[in-house]
Structure formats: structure tokens, C-alpha cells
């Protein structure tokens, strides 16, 4: 029987806000600021509706998109490895190689 490791990625609320800015997510402004959708910016975060409510500001799909963005942007350092079977080239996508390794062991 093969042993699999589970991965449970987490992000702090600030990490999610930073990710939303990096991904140029459009979020609703408060009524006093016009109420329309605008690209999220941390410097102006007080202008966005429900920004301080971690349960309301991002949908589940938005949180998943941000965490996936972070996972896909992980890159290996020079000569990095996790095991004798899992070696990385410098600047190689870590998540891409992990998916390949998972499927080859399945």
C-alpha cells in the first residue's frame, strides 16, 4: 500500500489581501466610495466593503484562487531536494514537480 502525504495550504488574512492585490481582483467599494467594483489595493483597503470581515470579504472560490496562485508560484532554490527521488532544478516550479511525482507514484 502506497503512503501519501496530505497538503493543507493555509494563508493569513493579510496573505489573502496581498494575493488579491497581486491577482488584481475586483472587489466592491463601500457606498461612500461609490459602491462599484474596483481592483483591490491594500493601501486603500478601508474603502472596500467588508474588508475587515474575514468570512465575508472573500468567497471560497476567491480564497482558493489566491492560495493556488501562491502554490503555483513556489520556486526551488539551487540544489534543493525533498528526497532522493524528488530533486529540483533552480527556479523550477515546486508544485508542478510534486504533481508529476504524485501521478507517477499513483
N, C-alpha and C. Protein backbone atom coordinates (compact mmCIF):
# COMPACT_ATOMS: atom_id res chain seq x y z
N UNK A 1 0.84 -1.18 0.00
CA UNK A 1 0.00 0.00 0.00
C UNK A 1 0.88 1.25 0.00
N UNK A 2 0.59 2.16 -0.91
CA UNK A 2 1.39 3.38 -1.01
C UNK A 2 0.97 4.38 0.07
N UNK A 3 1.94 5.11 0.56
CA UNK A 3 1.67 6.13 1.55
C UNK A 3 1.67 7.48 0.86
N UNK A 4 0.64 8.27 1.11
CA UNK A 4 0.54 9.60 0.52
C UNK A 4 0.59 10.64 1.63
N UNK A 5 1.21 11.74 1.33
CA UNK A 5 1.23 12.86 2.26
C UNK A 5 0.16 13.86 1.83
N UNK A 6 -0.55 14.39 2.80
CA UNK A 6 -1.57 15.39 2.52
C UNK A 6 -0.95 16.78 2.65
N UNK A 7 -1.49 17.69 1.88
CA UNK A 7 -1.05 19.07 1.93
C UNK A 7 -2.26 19.94 2.24
N UNK A 8 -2.18 20.71 3.31
CA UNK A 8 -3.26 21.61 3.69
C UNK A 8 -2.73 23.04 3.68
N UNK A 9 -2.81 23.70 2.53
CA UNK A 9 -2.28 25.07 2.45
C UNK A 9 -3.17 26.05 3.19
N UNK A 10 -2.54 26.96 3.90
CA UNK A 10 -3.25 28.00 4.65
C UNK A 10 -2.66 29.34 4.30
N UNK A 11 -3.43 30.37 4.53
CA UNK A 11 -2.93 31.72 4.33
C UNK A 11 -3.54 32.62 5.39
N UNK A 12 -2.76 33.55 5.89
CA UNK A 12 -3.29 34.54 6.83
C UNK A 12 -4.20 35.50 6.08
N UNK A 13 -4.99 36.26 6.81
CA UNK A 13 -5.86 37.23 6.16
C UNK A 13 -5.03 38.23 5.37
N UNK A 14 -3.90 38.67 5.93
CA UNK A 14 -3.04 39.61 5.20
C UNK A 14 -2.50 38.96 3.93
N UNK A 15 -2.14 37.68 4.01
CA UNK A 15 -1.67 36.96 2.83
C UNK A 15 -2.74 36.91 1.75
N UNK A 16 -3.99 36.71 2.15
CA UNK A 16 -5.09 36.72 1.18
C UNK A 16 -5.26 38.10 0.56
N UNK A 17 -5.17 39.15 1.38
CA UNK A 17 -5.30 40.52 0.87
C UNK A 17 -4.17 40.82 -0.12
N UNK A 18 -2.96 40.42 0.24
CA UNK A 18 -1.82 40.64 -0.65
C UNK A 18 -2.00 39.88 -1.96
N UNK A 19 -2.49 38.65 -1.86
CA UNK A 19 -2.75 37.86 -3.06
C UNK A 19 -3.82 38.48 -3.94
N UNK A 20 -4.86 39.02 -3.32
CA UNK A 20 -5.92 39.67 -4.09
C UNK A 20 -5.36 40.86 -4.86
N UNK A 21 -4.44 41.58 -4.24
CA UNK A 21 -3.81 42.71 -4.92
C UNK A 21 -2.94 42.22 -6.07
N UNK A 22 -2.14 41.17 -5.83
CA UNK A 22 -1.27 40.63 -6.88
C UNK A 22 -2.08 40.13 -8.08
N UNK A 23 -3.24 39.54 -7.80
CA UNK A 23 -4.09 38.99 -8.85
C UNK A 23 -5.04 40.03 -9.46
N UNK A 24 -4.97 41.25 -8.94
CA UNK A 24 -5.81 42.35 -9.42
C UNK A 24 -7.30 41.99 -9.36
N UNK A 25 -7.68 41.38 -8.22
CA UNK A 25 -9.08 41.02 -8.03
C UNK A 25 -9.92 42.28 -7.87
N UNK A 26 -11.09 42.23 -8.45
CA UNK A 26 -12.02 43.35 -8.34
C UNK A 26 -12.97 43.07 -7.18
N UNK A 27 -13.04 44.03 -6.26
CA UNK A 27 -13.90 43.90 -5.08
C UNK A 27 -14.77 45.16 -4.99
N UNK A 28 -15.90 45.02 -4.28
CA UNK A 28 -16.86 46.12 -4.18
C UNK A 28 -16.40 47.17 -3.17
N UNK A 29 -16.49 48.43 -3.59
CA UNK A 29 -16.19 49.56 -2.71
C UNK A 29 -17.38 49.80 -1.78
N UNK A 30 -17.13 50.46 -0.64
CA UNK A 30 -18.23 50.86 0.24
C UNK A 30 -19.07 51.91 -0.49
N UNK A 31 -20.31 52.07 -0.07
CA UNK A 31 -21.23 53.02 -0.72
C UNK A 31 -20.65 54.44 -0.76
N UNK A 32 -20.01 54.86 0.33
CA UNK A 32 -19.44 56.21 0.41
C UNK A 32 -18.34 56.44 -0.63
N UNK A 33 -17.75 55.35 -1.13
CA UNK A 33 -16.69 55.45 -2.13
C UNK A 33 -17.21 55.13 -3.53
N UNK A 34 -18.52 54.99 -3.66
CA UNK A 34 -19.11 54.77 -4.98
C UNK A 34 -19.81 53.44 -5.14
N UNK A 35 -19.42 52.43 -4.36
CA UNK A 35 -20.09 51.14 -4.38
C UNK A 35 -19.82 50.25 -5.58
N UNK A 36 -19.01 50.71 -6.52
CA UNK A 36 -18.75 49.87 -7.70
C UNK A 36 -17.59 48.91 -7.44
N UNK A 37 -17.37 48.02 -8.38
CA UNK A 37 -16.23 47.10 -8.30
C UNK A 37 -14.96 47.82 -8.72
N UNK A 38 -13.89 47.58 -7.97
CA UNK A 38 -12.61 48.19 -8.28
C UNK A 38 -11.50 47.21 -7.93
N UNK A 39 -10.39 47.31 -8.65
CA UNK A 39 -9.23 46.47 -8.37
C UNK A 39 -8.80 46.68 -6.93
N UNK A 40 -8.62 45.58 -6.18
CA UNK A 40 -8.26 45.69 -4.78
C UNK A 40 -6.84 46.21 -4.61
N UNK A 41 -6.68 47.11 -3.62
CA UNK A 41 -5.38 47.69 -3.30
C UNK A 41 -5.27 47.78 -1.78
N UNK A 42 -4.23 47.21 -1.21
CA UNK A 42 -4.06 47.20 0.24
C UNK A 42 -4.00 48.61 0.80
N UNK A 43 -3.34 49.52 0.10
CA UNK A 43 -3.21 50.89 0.59
C UNK A 43 -4.57 51.57 0.76
N UNK A 44 -5.57 51.15 -0.02
CA UNK A 44 -6.91 51.74 0.05
C UNK A 44 -7.93 50.76 0.62
N UNK A 45 -7.48 49.79 1.40
CA UNK A 45 -8.38 48.71 1.80
C UNK A 45 -9.58 49.18 2.62
N UNK A 46 -9.46 50.30 3.32
CA UNK A 46 -10.59 50.79 4.12
C UNK A 46 -11.77 51.23 3.24
N UNK A 47 -11.54 51.37 1.95
CA UNK A 47 -12.59 51.78 1.02
C UNK A 47 -13.40 50.59 0.50
N UNK A 48 -13.01 49.36 0.85
CA UNK A 48 -13.68 48.17 0.33
C UNK A 48 -14.66 47.60 1.34
N UNK A 49 -15.79 47.17 0.82
CA UNK A 49 -16.88 46.63 1.63
C UNK A 49 -16.45 45.33 2.32
N UNK A 50 -16.71 45.24 3.63
CA UNK A 50 -16.45 44.04 4.45
C UNK A 50 -14.99 43.60 4.48
N UNK A 51 -14.05 44.49 4.22
CA UNK A 51 -12.64 44.10 4.16
C UNK A 51 -12.13 43.56 5.50
N UNK A 52 -12.69 44.01 6.60
CA UNK A 52 -12.21 43.56 7.91
C UNK A 52 -12.91 42.29 8.38
N UNK A 53 -13.90 41.81 7.63
CA UNK A 53 -14.60 40.58 7.98
C UNK A 53 -14.05 39.44 7.14
N UNK A 54 -13.18 38.63 7.74
CA UNK A 54 -12.50 37.54 7.01
C UNK A 54 -13.47 36.54 6.40
N UNK A 55 -14.66 36.40 6.99
CA UNK A 55 -15.61 35.42 6.47
C UNK A 55 -16.44 35.95 5.31
N UNK A 56 -16.52 37.27 5.15
CA UNK A 56 -17.37 37.85 4.10
C UNK A 56 -16.60 38.41 2.91
N UNK A 57 -15.38 38.89 3.13
CA UNK A 57 -14.69 39.64 2.08
C UNK A 57 -14.35 38.77 0.88
N UNK A 58 -13.88 37.56 1.11
CA UNK A 58 -13.53 36.66 0.01
C UNK A 58 -14.51 35.50 -0.05
N UNK A 59 -14.90 35.14 -1.27
CA UNK A 59 -15.68 33.92 -1.44
C UNK A 59 -14.72 32.74 -1.32
N UNK A 60 -15.26 31.56 -1.16
CA UNK A 60 -14.43 30.36 -1.10
C UNK A 60 -13.61 30.22 -2.37
N UNK A 61 -14.23 30.50 -3.50
CA UNK A 61 -13.52 30.41 -4.78
C UNK A 61 -12.36 31.40 -4.86
N UNK A 62 -12.57 32.62 -4.36
CA UNK A 62 -11.50 33.63 -4.37
C UNK A 62 -10.34 33.18 -3.49
N UNK A 63 -10.66 32.64 -2.30
CA UNK A 63 -9.59 32.15 -1.41
C UNK A 63 -8.80 31.03 -2.08
N UNK A 64 -9.51 30.11 -2.72
CA UNK A 64 -8.84 29.02 -3.41
C UNK A 64 -7.95 29.53 -4.54
N UNK A 65 -8.43 30.53 -5.26
CA UNK A 65 -7.66 31.11 -6.36
C UNK A 65 -6.37 31.73 -5.85
N UNK A 66 -6.45 32.45 -4.74
CA UNK A 66 -5.28 33.10 -4.16
C UNK A 66 -4.27 32.07 -3.67
N UNK A 67 -4.74 31.06 -2.93
CA UNK A 67 -3.83 30.03 -2.41
C UNK A 67 -3.20 29.27 -3.57
N UNK A 68 -3.98 28.96 -4.61
CA UNK A 68 -3.43 28.27 -5.79
C UNK A 68 -2.35 29.13 -6.45
N UNK A 69 -2.59 30.44 -6.53
CA UNK A 69 -1.60 31.36 -7.09
C UNK A 69 -0.28 31.26 -6.32
N UNK A 70 -0.37 31.25 -4.98
CA UNK A 70 0.84 31.13 -4.17
C UNK A 70 1.52 29.78 -4.40
N UNK A 71 0.75 28.70 -4.44
CA UNK A 71 1.33 27.37 -4.66
C UNK A 71 2.02 27.27 -6.01
N UNK A 72 1.38 27.81 -7.04
CA UNK A 72 1.95 27.72 -8.38
C UNK A 72 3.18 28.61 -8.55
N UNK A 73 3.34 29.59 -7.68
CA UNK A 73 4.50 30.48 -7.81
C UNK A 73 5.68 30.06 -6.93
N UNK A 74 5.55 28.95 -6.19
CA UNK A 74 6.68 28.44 -5.41
C UNK A 74 7.78 27.96 -6.35
N UNK A 75 9.00 28.39 -6.11
CA UNK A 75 10.13 28.02 -6.96
C UNK A 75 11.24 27.44 -6.09
N UNK A 76 11.96 26.50 -6.66
CA UNK A 76 13.06 25.84 -5.94
C UNK A 76 14.31 26.71 -5.95
N UNK A 77 15.07 26.60 -4.87
CA UNK A 77 16.39 27.23 -4.81
C UNK A 77 17.41 26.28 -5.44
N UNK A 78 18.60 26.74 -5.67
CA UNK A 78 19.65 25.91 -6.27
C UNK A 78 19.89 24.65 -5.44
N UNK A 79 19.94 23.52 -6.08
CA UNK A 79 20.24 22.21 -5.47
C UNK A 79 19.25 21.80 -4.38
N UNK A 80 18.04 22.28 -4.43
CA UNK A 80 17.06 21.92 -3.43
C UNK A 80 16.47 20.55 -3.75
N UNK A 81 16.23 19.76 -2.70
CA UNK A 81 15.57 18.47 -2.90
C UNK A 81 14.78 18.13 -1.64
N UNK A 82 13.76 17.31 -1.81
CA UNK A 82 12.97 16.85 -0.67
C UNK A 82 13.25 15.40 -0.34
N UNK A 83 13.79 14.69 -1.31
CA UNK A 83 14.16 13.29 -1.10
C UNK A 83 15.06 12.88 -2.25
N UNK A 84 15.58 11.67 -2.20
CA UNK A 84 16.46 11.22 -3.29
C UNK A 84 15.69 11.08 -4.60
N UNK A 85 14.37 10.93 -4.50
CA UNK A 85 13.54 10.78 -5.71
C UNK A 85 12.95 12.09 -6.21
N UNK A 86 13.04 13.12 -5.41
CA UNK A 86 12.40 14.39 -5.77
C UNK A 86 13.43 15.52 -5.72
N UNK A 87 14.08 15.75 -6.85
CA UNK A 87 15.12 16.77 -6.97
C UNK A 87 14.61 17.92 -7.83
N UNK A 88 15.02 19.12 -7.50
CA UNK A 88 14.58 20.30 -8.22
C UNK A 88 15.73 20.97 -8.94
N UNK A 89 15.44 21.56 -10.07
CA UNK A 89 16.39 22.44 -10.76
C UNK A 89 16.17 23.84 -10.22
N UNK A 90 17.19 24.70 -10.27
CA UNK A 90 17.00 26.07 -9.80
C UNK A 90 15.83 26.74 -10.52
N UNK A 91 14.99 27.40 -9.76
CA UNK A 91 13.83 28.16 -10.24
C UNK A 91 12.74 27.27 -10.85
N UNK A 92 12.80 25.97 -10.62
CA UNK A 92 11.77 25.07 -11.12
C UNK A 92 10.52 25.20 -10.26
N UNK A 93 9.36 25.08 -10.87
CA UNK A 93 8.10 25.12 -10.15
C UNK A 93 8.01 23.91 -9.23
N UNK A 94 7.92 24.15 -7.94
CA UNK A 94 7.84 23.06 -6.97
C UNK A 94 6.51 22.33 -7.11
N UNK A 95 5.42 23.07 -7.24
CA UNK A 95 4.11 22.43 -7.30
C UNK A 95 3.98 21.56 -8.55
N UNK A 96 4.52 22.00 -9.67
CA UNK A 96 4.46 21.23 -10.91
C UNK A 96 5.16 19.88 -10.75
N UNK A 97 6.34 19.88 -10.17
CA UNK A 97 7.09 18.64 -9.98
C UNK A 97 6.40 17.73 -8.97
N UNK A 98 5.80 18.30 -7.94
CA UNK A 98 5.09 17.49 -6.95
C UNK A 98 3.90 16.78 -7.58
N UNK A 99 3.19 17.46 -8.46
CA UNK A 99 2.05 16.84 -9.15
C UNK A 99 2.54 15.69 -10.02
N UNK A 100 3.63 15.91 -10.75
CA UNK A 100 4.19 14.86 -11.60
C UNK A 100 4.62 13.66 -10.75
N UNK A 101 5.30 13.93 -9.64
CA UNK A 101 5.76 12.85 -8.75
C UNK A 101 4.58 12.09 -8.16
N UNK A 102 3.52 12.80 -7.80
CA UNK A 102 2.33 12.16 -7.24
C UNK A 102 1.71 11.21 -8.26
N UNK A 103 1.55 11.68 -9.49
CA UNK A 103 0.92 10.86 -10.52
C UNK A 103 1.79 9.66 -10.92
N UNK A 104 3.09 9.81 -10.86
CA UNK A 104 3.96 8.68 -11.22
C UNK A 104 3.99 7.62 -10.12
N UNK A 105 3.65 8.01 -8.88
CA UNK A 105 3.61 7.05 -7.77
C UNK A 105 2.23 6.47 -7.55
N UNK A 106 1.23 6.99 -8.23
CA UNK A 106 -0.16 6.53 -8.01
C UNK A 106 -0.40 5.16 -8.58
